[in-house]
Amino acid sequence: MIATEKFPLAERLKMIDHIQARRYSKLGGPALDIATEGIIRHLRACDRMDVNPDVAAVREIIDDALNGRRVFAETFNNAA
């Protein structure tokens, strides 16, 4: 089972870094959608590779979402 599916996203972010979890909780509208998509992709990639999520990557995803940028690595199987 993918660890992303064990906990709600907000709880998983608290486990990674409480500061980024707080920043994420303040997002709304398009920024929330962009950040959610990017963070879920990052967490799934980390789960697939069996590595811990990177706090700096989560921070960058949230920063990019606040600036309206959707930046993430393309994969062949994004549905995983």
C-alpha atoms as a PDB file:
ATOM      1  CA  MET A   1       0.000   0.000   0.000  1.00  0.00           C
ATOM      2  CA  ILE A   2       1.270   3.464  -0.857  1.00  0.00           C
ATOM      3  CA  ALA A   3       1.907   5.513   2.290  1.00  0.00           C
ATOM      4  CA  THR A   4       0.206   8.501   0.652  1.00  0.00           C
ATOM      5  CA  GLU A   5      -3.066   6.599   0.914  1.00  0.00           C
ATOM      6  CA  LYS A   6      -2.657   5.834   4.637  1.00  0.00           C
ATOM      7  CA  PHE A   7      -2.994   9.426   5.839  1.00  0.00           C
ATOM      8  CA  PRO A   8      -4.797  12.538   4.633  1.00  0.00           C
ATOM      9  CA  LEU A   9      -2.490  14.934   2.806  1.00  0.00           C
ATOM     10  CA  ALA A  10      -2.570  17.503   5.628  1.00  0.00           C
ATOM     11  CA  GLU A  11      -1.458  14.868   8.144  1.00  0.00           C
ATOM     12  CA  ARG A  12       1.289  13.596   5.858  1.00  0.00           C
ATOM     13  CA  LEU A  13       2.595  17.156   5.473  1.00  0.00           C
ATOM     14  CA  LYS A  14       2.668  17.575   9.266  1.00  0.00           C
ATOM     15  CA  MET A  15       4.865  14.473   9.450  1.00  0.00           C
ATOM     16  CA  ILE A  16       7.247  15.973   6.887  1.00  0.00           C
ATOM     17  CA  ASP A  17       7.433  19.546   8.210  1.00  0.00           C
ATOM     18  CA  HIS A  18       4.943  21.437  10.352  1.00  0.00           C
ATOM     19  CA  ILE A  19       5.912  24.791   8.821  1.00  0.00           C
ATOM     20  CA  GLN A  20       5.116  23.626   5.282  1.00  0.00           C
ATOM     21  CA  ALA A  21       1.911  22.002   6.554  1.00  0.00           C
ATOM     22  CA  ARG A  22       0.845  25.355   8.005  1.00  0.00           C
ATOM     23  CA  ARG A  23       1.711  27.174   4.754  1.00  0.00           C
ATOM     24  CA  TYR A  24      -0.259  24.584   2.776  1.00  0.00           C
ATOM     25  CA  SER A  25      -3.296  24.959   5.054  1.00  0.00           C
ATOM     26  CA  LYS A  26      -3.446  28.689   4.239  1.00  0.00           C
ATOM     27  CA  LEU A  27      -3.637  28.144   0.480  1.00  0.00           C
ATOM     28  CA  GLY A  28      -6.853  28.536  -1.455  1.00  0.00           C
ATOM     29  CA  GLY A  29      -8.183  28.554  -4.995  1.00  0.00           C
ATOM     30  CA  PRO A  30      -5.817  27.757  -7.854  1.00  0.00           C
ATOM     31  CA  ALA A  31      -2.744  27.854  -5.590  1.00  0.00           C
ATOM     32  CA  LEU A  32      -4.240  25.067  -3.464  1.00  0.00           C
ATOM     33  CA  ASP A  33      -4.983  22.969  -6.546  1.00  0.00           C
ATOM     34  CA  ILE A  34      -1.477  23.430  -7.958  1.00  0.00           C
ATOM     35  CA  ALA A  35       0.224  22.693  -4.623  1.00  0.00           C
ATOM     36  CA  THR A  36      -1.944  19.635  -3.976  1.00  0.00           C
ATOM     37  CA  GLU A  37      -1.147  18.149  -7.373  1.00  0.00           C
ATOM     38  CA  GLY A  38       2.577  18.811  -7.015  1.00  0.00           C
ATOM     39  CA  ILE A  39       2.826  17.492  -3.465  1.00  0.00           C
ATOM     40  CA  ILE A  40       0.889  14.333  -4.257  1.00  0.00           C
ATOM     41  CA  ARG A  41       3.176  13.678  -7.242  1.00  0.00           C
ATOM     42  CA  HIS A  42       6.230  14.233  -5.038  1.00  0.00           C
ATOM     43  CA  LEU A  43       4.933  11.920  -2.303  1.00  0.00           C
ATOM     44  CA  ARG A  44       4.058   9.188  -4.783  1.00  0.00           C
ATOM     45  CA  ALA A  45       7.513   9.400  -6.357  1.00  0.00           C
ATOM     46  CA  CYS A  46       9.127   9.188  -2.913  1.00  0.00           C
ATOM     47  CA  ASP A  47       6.968   6.187  -2.015  1.00  0.00           C
ATOM     48  CA  ARG A  48       7.858   4.489  -5.295  1.00  0.00           C
ATOM     49  CA  MET A  49      11.573   5.020  -4.725  1.00  0.00           C
ATOM     50  CA  ASP A  50      11.279   4.225  -1.004  1.00  0.00           C
ATOM     51  CA  VAL A  51      12.891   7.503   0.104  1.00  0.00           C
ATOM     52  CA  ASN A  52      11.775  10.167   2.562  1.00  0.00           C
ATOM     53  CA  PRO A  53      10.014  13.228   1.139  1.00  0.00           C
ATOM     54  CA  ASP A  54      12.228  16.280   0.750  1.00  0.00           C
ATOM     55  CA  VAL A  55      11.182  19.306   2.809  1.00  0.00           C
ATOM     56  CA  ALA A  56      12.889  21.639   0.327  1.00  0.00           C
ATOM     57  CA  ALA A  57      10.901  20.117  -2.553  1.00  0.00           C
ATOM     58  CA  VAL A  58       7.608  20.591  -0.686  1.00  0.00           C
ATOM     59  CA  ARG A  59       8.580  24.199   0.112  1.00  0.00           C
ATOM     60  CA  GLU A  60       9.417  24.813  -3.555  1.00  0.00           C
ATOM     61  CA  ILE A  61       6.117  23.293  -4.706  1.00  0.00           C
ATOM     62  CA  ILE A  62       4.196  25.605  -2.358  1.00  0.00           C
ATOM     63  CA  ASP A  63       6.265  28.630  -3.416  1.00  0.00           C
ATOM     64  CA  ASP A  64       5.639  27.851  -7.091  1.00  0.00           C
ATOM     65  CA  ALA A  65       1.922  27.375  -6.433  1.00  0.00           C
ATOM     66  CA  LEU A  66       1.750  30.788  -4.754  1.00  0.00           C
ATOM     67  CA  ASN A  67       3.323  32.251  -7.906  1.00  0.00           C
ATOM     68  CA  GLY A  68       0.878  30.371 -10.126  1.00  0.00           C
ATOM     69  CA  ARG A  69       3.508  28.026 -11.541  1.00  0.00           C
ATOM     70  CA  ARG A  70       2.792  24.371 -12.031  1.00  0.00           C
ATOM     71  CA  VAL A  71       6.231  22.773 -12.021  1.00  0.00           C
ATOM     72  CA  PHE A  72       6.778  19.054 -11.690  1.00  0.00           C
ATOM     73  CA  ALA A  73       8.681  16.272 -13.364  1.00  0.00           C
ATOM     74  CA  GLU A  74       6.815  14.401 -16.044  1.00  0.00           C
ATOM     75  CA  THR A  75       6.586  10.664 -15.606  1.00  0.00           C
ATOM     76  CA  PHE A  76       5.366   7.919 -17.859  1.00  0.00           C
ATOM     77  CA  ASN A  77       2.892   6.668 -15.261  1.00  0.00           C
ATOM     78  CA  ASN A  78       1.383   9.619 -13.399  1.00  0.00           C
ATOM     79  CA  ALA A  79      -1.652   7.586 -12.367  1.00  0.00           C
ATOM     80  CA  ALA A  80       0.381   5.400 -10.009  1.00  0.00           C
END
